[in-house]
Amino acid sequence: MITKEKIQDYLAEKFKSASVLEVKELGSGVHGTGHLIRFLADECGRKVEKRLVMKGLEGLNFGHDYVCDRAQVLLLANSTYNKLPNH
């Protein structure tokens, strides 16, 4: 499960002094749950608001029983979404 604390820890590794403003569930279904994350990150000495979408999958059958199954779904999503405008 994606928690605000886990997201904060992840962003702190990727961005200097990032702070989470909002975590909002976008929806859930067979292929997992999507969350919108709004956060502040340091860019050239100033705070800039950024947004990203995180998708999480649980191993609850539907072909997601193994880590490699879940990884395949997320890798395909990453490849597909990055080809869409404004993604």
C-alpha atoms as a PDB file:
ATOM      1  CA  MET A   1       0.000   0.000   0.000  1.00  0.00           C
ATOM      2  CA  ILE A   2       1.252   3.489  -0.857  1.00  0.00           C
ATOM      3  CA  THR A   3       1.385   5.745   2.200  1.00  0.00           C
ATOM      4  CA  LYS A   4       2.250   9.419   2.491  1.00  0.00           C
ATOM      5  CA  GLU A   5       5.304   8.474   4.568  1.00  0.00           C
ATOM      6  CA  LYS A   6       6.617   6.097   1.893  1.00  0.00           C
ATOM      7  CA  ILE A   7       6.075   8.733  -0.776  1.00  0.00           C
ATOM      8  CA  GLN A   8       7.870  11.355   1.330  1.00  0.00           C
ATOM      9  CA  ASP A   9      10.841   8.996   1.782  1.00  0.00           C
ATOM     10  CA  TYR A  10      10.962   8.230  -1.948  1.00  0.00           C
ATOM     11  CA  LEU A  11      10.799  11.891  -2.980  1.00  0.00           C
ATOM     12  CA  ALA A  12      13.469  12.841  -0.448  1.00  0.00           C
ATOM     13  CA  GLU A  13      15.824  10.435  -2.246  1.00  0.00           C
ATOM     14  CA  LYS A  14      15.023  11.854  -5.687  1.00  0.00           C
ATOM     15  CA  PHE A  15      14.695  15.583  -4.987  1.00  0.00           C
ATOM     16  CA  LYS A  16      16.432  17.872  -2.522  1.00  0.00           C
ATOM     17  CA  SER A  17      14.216  18.813   0.412  1.00  0.00           C
ATOM     18  CA  ALA A  18      10.978  17.648  -1.222  1.00  0.00           C
ATOM     19  CA  SER A  19       7.807  17.931   0.816  1.00  0.00           C
ATOM     20  CA  VAL A  20       4.491  16.283   0.003  1.00  0.00           C
ATOM     21  CA  LEU A  21       1.518  18.636  -0.276  1.00  0.00           C
ATOM     22  CA  GLU A  22      -1.214  16.165  -1.218  1.00  0.00           C
ATOM     23  CA  VAL A  23      -1.764  12.476  -1.920  1.00  0.00           C
ATOM     24  CA  LYS A  24      -5.072  11.817  -3.653  1.00  0.00           C
ATOM     25  CA  GLU A  25      -6.402   8.461  -4.822  1.00  0.00           C
ATOM     26  CA  LEU A  26      -7.391   8.706  -8.474  1.00  0.00           C
ATOM     27  CA  GLY A  27      -9.054   5.327  -8.706  1.00  0.00           C
ATOM     28  CA  SER A  28      -8.520   1.628  -8.344  1.00  0.00           C
ATOM     29  CA  GLY A  29      -9.330  -1.531 -10.193  1.00  0.00           C
ATOM     30  CA  VAL A  30      -7.973  -4.913 -11.189  1.00  0.00           C
ATOM     31  CA  HIS A  31      -4.636  -3.422 -12.252  1.00  0.00           C
ATOM     32  CA  GLY A  32      -3.999  -1.504  -9.044  1.00  0.00           C
ATOM     33  CA  THR A  33      -4.562   1.914  -7.564  1.00  0.00           C
ATOM     34  CA  GLY A  34      -3.445   5.269  -8.941  1.00  0.00           C
ATOM     35  CA  HIS A  35      -2.490   8.234  -6.775  1.00  0.00           C
ATOM     36  CA  LEU A  36      -1.877  11.883  -7.647  1.00  0.00           C
ATOM     37  CA  ILE A  37       1.006  13.325  -5.644  1.00  0.00           C
ATOM     38  CA  ARG A  38       1.574  17.071  -5.367  1.00  0.00           C
ATOM     39  CA  PHE A  39       4.865  18.113  -3.801  1.00  0.00           C
ATOM     40  CA  LEU A  40       7.376  20.938  -3.513  1.00  0.00           C
ATOM     41  CA  ALA A  41      10.909  20.382  -4.767  1.00  0.00           C
ATOM     42  CA  ASP A  42      13.997  22.571  -4.737  1.00  0.00           C
ATOM     43  CA  GLU A  43      15.051  23.735  -8.220  1.00  0.00           C
ATOM     44  CA  CYS A  44      17.981  26.130  -8.445  1.00  0.00           C
ATOM     45  CA  GLY A  45      17.343  27.463  -4.954  1.00  0.00           C
ATOM     46  CA  ARG A  46      13.601  27.984  -5.285  1.00  0.00           C
ATOM     47  CA  LYS A  47      10.636  25.797  -4.365  1.00  0.00           C
ATOM     48  CA  VAL A  48       8.652  24.543  -7.340  1.00  0.00           C
ATOM     49  CA  GLU A  49       5.376  22.644  -7.149  1.00  0.00           C
ATOM     50  CA  LYS A  50       5.440  19.361  -9.049  1.00  0.00           C
ATOM     51  CA  ARG A  51       2.890  16.628  -9.686  1.00  0.00           C
ATOM     52  CA  LEU A  52       3.229  12.979 -10.488  1.00  0.00           C
ATOM     53  CA  VAL A  53       1.044   9.915 -10.670  1.00  0.00           C
ATOM     54  CA  MET A  54       2.051   6.718  -8.883  1.00  0.00           C
ATOM     55  CA  LYS A  55       0.469   3.365  -9.553  1.00  0.00           C
ATOM     56  CA  GLY A  56       0.604   0.524  -7.067  1.00  0.00           C
ATOM     57  CA  LEU A  57      -0.242  -3.139  -7.573  1.00  0.00           C
ATOM     58  CA  GLU A  58      -1.111  -5.777  -5.013  1.00  0.00           C
ATOM     59  CA  GLY A  59      -0.464  -9.483  -5.521  1.00  0.00           C
ATOM     60  CA  LEU A  60      -4.155 -10.395  -5.447  1.00  0.00           C
ATOM     61  CA  ASN A  61      -4.447 -12.891  -8.294  1.00  0.00           C
ATOM     62  CA  PHE A  62      -5.474 -11.469 -11.699  1.00  0.00           C
ATOM     63  CA  GLY A  63      -2.005 -12.530 -12.922  1.00  0.00           C
ATOM     64  CA  HIS A  64      -0.219 -10.327 -10.368  1.00  0.00           C
ATOM     65  CA  ASP A  65       0.828 -13.118  -8.012  1.00  0.00           C
ATOM     66  CA  TYR A  66       4.566 -12.714  -8.547  1.00  0.00           C
ATOM     67  CA  VAL A  67       6.753  -9.614  -8.385  1.00  0.00           C
ATOM     68  CA  CYS A  68       7.767 -10.147 -12.019  1.00  0.00           C
ATOM     69  CA  ASP A  69       4.071 -10.074 -13.050  1.00  0.00           C
ATOM     70  CA  ARG A  70       3.543  -6.736 -11.316  1.00  0.00           C
ATOM     71  CA  ALA A  71       6.793  -5.367 -12.758  1.00  0.00           C
ATOM     72  CA  GLN A  72       5.644  -6.253 -16.284  1.00  0.00           C
ATOM     73  CA  VAL A  73       2.380  -4.338 -15.823  1.00  0.00           C
ATOM     74  CA  LEU A  74       4.197  -1.268 -14.479  1.00  0.00           C
ATOM     75  CA  LEU A  75       6.898  -1.349 -17.178  1.00  0.00           C
ATOM     76  CA  LEU A  76       4.258  -1.548 -19.901  1.00  0.00           C
ATOM     77  CA  ALA A  77       2.313   1.305 -18.287  1.00  0.00           C
ATOM     78  CA  ASN A  78       5.466   3.435 -18.113  1.00  0.00           C
ATOM     79  CA  SER A  79       6.262   2.777 -21.762  1.00  0.00           C
ATOM     80  CA  THR A  80       2.694   3.433 -22.902  1.00  0.00           C
ATOM     81  CA  TYR A  81       1.963   6.501 -20.772  1.00  0.00           C
ATOM     82  CA  ASN A  82       5.210   8.199 -21.814  1.00  0.00           C
ATOM     83  CA  LYS A  83       4.024   8.125 -25.438  1.00  0.00           C
ATOM     84  CA  LEU A  84       0.791   9.977 -24.641  1.00  0.00           C
ATOM     85  CA  PRO A  85       0.605  13.791 -24.750  1.00  0.00           C
ATOM     86  CA  ASN A  86       0.829  15.503 -21.328  1.00  0.00           C
ATOM     87  CA  HIS A  87       1.924  12.321 -19.562  1.00  0.00           C
END
